[in-house]
């Protein structure tokens, strides 16, 4: 089997799997749906596409997701942070949006699905600040190679869970390797920033066979257009820090 390694590090990232509306959560590690979305963006695939060409055949997004196993190493867990977010409201004549009777509030806001009057939407949006993850994807080399090439030269910009969260380090770490997923995560050097001491241990979140892992996560995309997802099983391990090398972005 081959393993493709990706580095997901940035000032902000969010990997929500449970919410869609006024409270936007984030997981503590990258979700599989988020990583698949990143790869699809790199290849220039539309969200509403139903079939995807991989290794000479057409597959659904769920079949594509099941074709490889994912593991995450938490190099820096980051800090869970909340953003109080508002959209819509009202303004008065003389402001940028004001163009009505003198002194009369002019409403504007977010359109509603039922067609009623637009209004203000307040949401709580959680994200991880200053987190750094090493993601490993294990599968057939014929499947992983197009993804590696796309991440190295993406068609569309890639992002860390939300379009406004851009990577702070190159996502592409090199072509896929002939290796085993856990071994690759355990042996890849830990990137040290200037004058930073390595932690005592690192957390790994490894995808397991269905029904075996102790934790279930509903983050396997079935349809991005309909926002439907299927479950997978994972397990958490802790490993010693491997060899340490200086992060070239921090020298």
Protein backbone atom coordinates (compact mmCIF):
# COMPACT_ATOMS: atom_id res chain seq x y z
CA UNK A 1 0.00 0.00 0.00
CA UNK A 2 0.99 3.62 -0.52
CA UNK A 3 0.64 6.57 1.85
CA UNK A 4 0.10 10.22 0.92
CA UNK A 5 1.11 12.69 3.62
CA UNK A 6 -0.49 16.14 3.95
CA UNK A 7 0.34 18.90 6.40
CA UNK A 8 -2.65 20.92 7.57
CA UNK A 9 -1.38 23.90 9.56
CA UNK A 10 -2.62 27.46 9.74
CA UNK A 11 -3.68 30.36 11.94
CA UNK A 12 -7.28 29.08 11.88
CA UNK A 13 -9.00 25.88 10.80
CA UNK A 14 -12.38 24.29 11.48
CA UNK A 15 -13.57 20.70 10.98
CA UNK A 16 -17.24 20.68 11.93
CA UNK A 17 -19.22 17.44 11.60
CA UNK A 18 -22.40 18.04 13.61
CA UNK A 19 -23.83 21.50 12.90
CA UNK A 20 -25.00 23.52 9.90
CA UNK A 21 -26.85 26.55 11.23
CA UNK A 22 -26.34 29.08 14.06
CA UNK A 23 -23.80 27.03 16.03
CA UNK A 24 -20.87 25.84 13.90
CA UNK A 25 -18.75 23.33 15.77
CA UNK A 26 -15.25 22.08 15.10
CA UNK A 27 -13.66 18.73 15.77
CA UNK A 28 -10.26 18.51 17.43
CA UNK A 29 -8.73 16.91 14.33
CA UNK A 30 -9.39 17.17 10.58
CA UNK A 31 -12.52 15.29 9.47
CA UNK A 32 -12.44 12.88 6.57
CA UNK A 33 -15.11 14.88 4.75
CA UNK A 34 -13.00 18.02 5.13
CA UNK A 35 -9.89 16.33 3.76
CA UNK A 36 -11.87 14.85 0.84
CA UNK A 37 -13.26 18.31 0.16
CA UNK A 38 -9.74 19.72 0.10
CA UNK A 39 -8.65 17.07 -2.42
CA UNK A 40 -11.71 17.67 -4.60
CA UNK A 41 -10.98 21.40 -4.65
CA UNK A 42 -7.39 20.69 -5.67
CA UNK A 43 -8.70 18.61 -8.60
CA UNK A 44 -11.30 21.23 -9.55
CA UNK A 45 -14.32 18.97 -8.96
CA UNK A 46 -17.69 20.63 -8.51
CA UNK A 47 -19.63 20.12 -5.26
CA UNK A 48 -22.73 18.76 -7.04
CA UNK A 49 -20.85 16.21 -9.11
CA UNK A 50 -22.17 12.62 -8.70
CA UNK A 51 -19.41 10.54 -10.32
CA UNK A 52 -15.64 10.94 -10.05
CA UNK A 53 -12.98 9.44 -12.38
CA UNK A 54 -10.37 7.56 -10.37
CA UNK A 55 -7.96 4.85 -11.56
CA UNK A 56 -9.80 4.40 -14.85
CA UNK A 57 -13.31 4.05 -13.46
CA UNK A 58 -16.21 6.20 -12.27
CA UNK A 59 -17.01 6.11 -8.54
CA UNK A 60 -19.29 7.98 -6.15
CA UNK A 61 -17.84 10.29 -3.52
CA UNK A 62 -18.57 7.68 -0.82
CA UNK A 63 -16.80 4.94 -2.79
CA UNK A 64 -13.88 7.28 -3.28
CA UNK A 65 -13.77 8.02 0.47
CA UNK A 66 -13.89 4.31 1.34
CA UNK A 67 -11.07 3.52 -1.09
CA UNK A 68 -8.43 4.71 1.35
CA UNK A 69 -7.86 4.85 5.11
CA UNK A 70 -7.05 8.07 6.94
CA UNK A 71 -4.90 8.75 9.96
CA UNK A 72 -4.10 12.02 11.74
CA UNK A 73 -1.15 12.96 13.92
CA UNK A 74 -1.70 15.96 16.16
CA UNK A 75 1.57 17.86 16.08
CA UNK A 76 -0.01 20.91 17.74
CA UNK A 77 -3.58 20.67 19.05
CA UNK A 78 -4.22 24.41 18.83
CA UNK A 79 -6.80 26.26 20.91
CA UNK A 80 -10.58 26.04 20.47
CA UNK A 81 -11.79 29.60 19.89
CA UNK A 82 -15.25 31.10 19.35
CA UNK A 83 -16.22 33.75 16.83
CA UNK A 84 -19.42 35.74 17.51
CA UNK A 85 -20.67 36.31 13.97
CA UNK A 86 -23.51 38.52 12.72
CA UNK A 87 -24.92 39.02 9.23
CA UNK A 88 -27.65 41.50 8.36
CA UNK A 89 -29.29 44.31 10.34
CA UNK A 90 -30.39 47.82 9.44
CA UNK A 91 -28.86 51.17 8.53
CA UNK A 92 -29.99 54.77 8.12
CA UNK A 93 -29.81 57.26 5.29
CA UNK A 94 -26.30 58.53 4.75
CA UNK A 95 -24.62 55.18 5.42
CA UNK A 96 -23.25 52.98 2.67
CA UNK A 97 -26.52 51.11 2.26
CA UNK A 98 -28.86 53.98 3.13
CA UNK A 99 -31.06 55.30 0.32
CA UNK A 100 -34.56 55.77 1.76
CA UNK A 101 -36.52 58.46 3.59
CA UNK A 102 -34.50 60.72 5.86
CA UNK A 103 -33.73 59.07 9.20
CA UNK A 104 -35.77 55.97 8.39
CA UNK A 105 -34.08 52.63 9.11
CA UNK A 106 -33.49 50.58 5.98
CA UNK A 107 -33.58 46.84 6.68
CA UNK A 108 -31.27 44.45 4.97
CA UNK A 109 -30.10 40.98 5.89
CA UNK A 110 -29.85 37.31 5.05
CA UNK A 111 -32.42 35.76 2.71
CA UNK A 112 -34.63 33.06 4.22
CA UNK A 113 -35.54 29.74 2.65
CA UNK A 114 -39.29 30.33 3.07
CA UNK A 115 -39.14 33.58 1.12
CA UNK A 116 -40.05 35.79 4.08
CA UNK A 117 -38.41 39.13 4.86
CA UNK A 118 -34.61 38.92 5.18
CA UNK A 119 -33.25 39.50 8.66
CA UNK A 120 -30.27 39.41 10.95
CA UNK A 121 -28.58 36.07 11.60
CA UNK A 122 -26.37 35.61 14.65
CA UNK A 123 -24.13 32.56 14.80
CA UNK A 124 -21.44 31.12 17.05
CA UNK A 125 -18.55 29.73 14.99
CA UNK A 126 -15.85 27.65 16.60
CA UNK A 127 -12.41 27.04 15.15
CA UNK A 128 -8.93 25.84 16.09
CA UNK A 129 -6.29 28.53 16.40
CA UNK A 130 -2.65 27.73 15.60
CA UNK A 131 -3.18 23.98 15.12
CA UNK A 132 -0.87 21.73 13.10
CA UNK A 133 -1.79 18.25 11.82
CA UNK A 134 -0.06 15.59 9.77
CA UNK A 135 -2.65 13.64 7.75
CA UNK A 136 -1.87 10.27 6.16
CA UNK A 137 -4.03 8.66 3.46
CA UNK A 138 -3.37 4.98 2.80
CA UNK A 139 -4.55 3.27 -0.38
CA UNK A 140 -3.65 2.12 -3.85
CA UNK A 141 -0.97 4.24 -5.48
CA UNK A 142 -3.09 4.62 -8.65
CA UNK A 143 -5.73 6.37 -6.53
CA UNK A 144 -3.40 8.50 -4.43
CA UNK A 145 -1.10 9.75 -7.21
CA UNK A 146 -3.69 12.06 -8.88
CA UNK A 147 -4.43 13.58 -5.47
CA UNK A 148 -0.74 14.17 -4.76
CA UNK A 149 -0.28 15.88 -8.13
CA UNK A 150 -3.39 18.01 -7.59
CA UNK A 151 -2.33 19.16 -4.11
CA UNK A 152 1.10 20.08 -5.49
CA UNK A 153 -0.58 22.25 -8.17
CA UNK A 154 -4.25 22.78 -7.22
CA UNK A 155 -6.91 23.86 -9.71
CA UNK A 156 -8.82 25.76 -7.00
CA UNK A 157 -7.41 27.16 -3.75
CA UNK A 158 -7.40 24.67 -0.88
CA UNK A 159 -8.56 25.60 2.62
CA UNK A 160 -8.71 24.16 6.11
CA UNK A 161 -12.37 23.34 6.65
CA UNK A 162 -13.77 26.76 5.71
CA UNK A 163 -13.00 28.82 2.64
CA UNK A 164 -11.68 31.73 4.71
CA UNK A 165 -9.15 29.49 6.55
CA UNK A 166 -6.12 29.24 4.28
CA UNK A 167 -3.10 27.03 5.04
CA UNK A 168 -0.17 28.67 6.76
CA UNK A 169 2.25 26.00 5.49
CA UNK A 170 2.43 24.07 2.20
CA UNK A 171 -0.10 21.21 2.28
CA UNK A 172 1.92 19.13 -0.17
CA UNK A 173 4.76 17.25 1.52
CA UNK A 174 5.84 15.08 -1.43
CA UNK A 175 4.66 12.15 -3.58
CA UNK A 176 3.00 9.11 -2.03
CA UNK A 177 5.29 6.69 -0.20
CA UNK A 178 5.46 2.91 -0.12
CA UNK A 179 4.68 2.55 3.57
CA UNK A 180 2.05 1.58 6.16
CA UNK A 181 -0.18 4.31 7.57
CA UNK A 182 0.67 4.04 11.28
CA UNK A 183 4.38 3.54 10.62
CA UNK A 184 4.44 6.64 8.40
CA UNK A 185 2.81 8.74 11.11
CA UNK A 186 5.10 7.37 13.82
CA UNK A 187 8.34 7.98 11.92
CA UNK A 188 7.80 11.26 10.05
CA UNK A 189 9.92 13.89 11.85
CA UNK A 190 8.13 16.37 14.06
CA UNK A 191 8.48 19.96 12.70
CA UNK A 192 10.02 22.18 15.38
CA UNK A 193 9.52 25.91 15.37
CA UNK A 194 12.26 28.27 16.51
CA UNK A 195 13.26 27.69 20.17
CA UNK A 196 10.37 25.24 20.67
CA UNK A 197 10.64 22.09 22.77
CA UNK A 198 8.88 18.93 21.51
CA UNK A 199 5.93 17.56 23.53
CA UNK A 200 6.19 14.37 25.58
CA UNK A 201 3.98 12.43 23.16
CA UNK A 202 1.75 12.83 20.11
CA UNK A 203 -1.87 11.78 19.60
CA UNK A 204 -2.81 9.63 16.61
CA UNK A 205 -6.39 9.17 15.38
CA UNK A 206 -6.47 6.11 13.12
CA UNK A 207 -9.34 4.91 10.95
CA UNK A 208 -10.15 1.23 11.58
CA UNK A 209 -12.27 -1.42 9.89
CA UNK A 210 -15.97 -0.73 10.15
CA UNK A 211 -17.41 -1.85 13.48
CA UNK A 212 -14.03 -2.35 15.18
CA UNK A 213 -12.86 1.04 16.39
CA UNK A 214 -14.23 2.30 19.74
CA UNK A 215 -15.33 5.70 18.35
CA UNK A 216 -17.79 6.44 15.54
CA UNK A 217 -17.49 9.58 13.45
CA UNK A 218 -20.11 10.59 10.87
CA UNK A 219 -17.78 12.28 8.41
CA UNK A 220 -17.64 10.06 5.32
CA UNK A 221 -19.22 12.16 2.54
CA UNK A 222 -22.12 10.56 0.67
CA UNK A 223 -23.12 13.77 -1.11
CA UNK A 224 -21.59 17.21 -0.67
CA UNK A 225 -24.52 18.80 -2.50
CA UNK A 226 -27.11 17.27 -0.11
CA UNK A 227 -24.78 17.41 2.92
CA UNK A 228 -25.22 13.74 3.78
CA UNK A 229 -22.58 11.67 5.54
CA UNK A 230 -21.96 8.06 6.61
CA UNK A 231 -20.16 6.72 9.70
CA UNK A 232 -16.66 5.32 10.10
CA UNK A 233 -14.78 3.96 13.11
CA UNK A 234 -11.54 5.32 14.58
CA UNK A 235 -9.24 4.66 17.51
CA UNK A 236 -6.87 6.97 19.38
CA UNK A 237 -3.26 6.11 20.19
CA UNK A 238 -0.39 7.97 21.81
CA UNK A 239 3.17 7.64 20.52
CA UNK A 240 6.58 9.04 21.39
CA UNK A 241 7.82 12.00 19.39
CA UNK A 242 9.97 10.75 16.50
CA UNK A 243 13.02 12.54 15.19
CA UNK A 244 12.82 16.32 15.34
CA UNK A 245 13.67 18.59 12.44
CA UNK A 246 13.51 22.37 12.16
CA UNK A 247 10.46 23.71 10.33
CA UNK A 248 11.90 25.47 7.25
CA UNK A 249 9.05 27.99 7.39
CA UNK A 250 10.19 29.17 10.83
CA UNK A 251 13.93 29.49 10.31
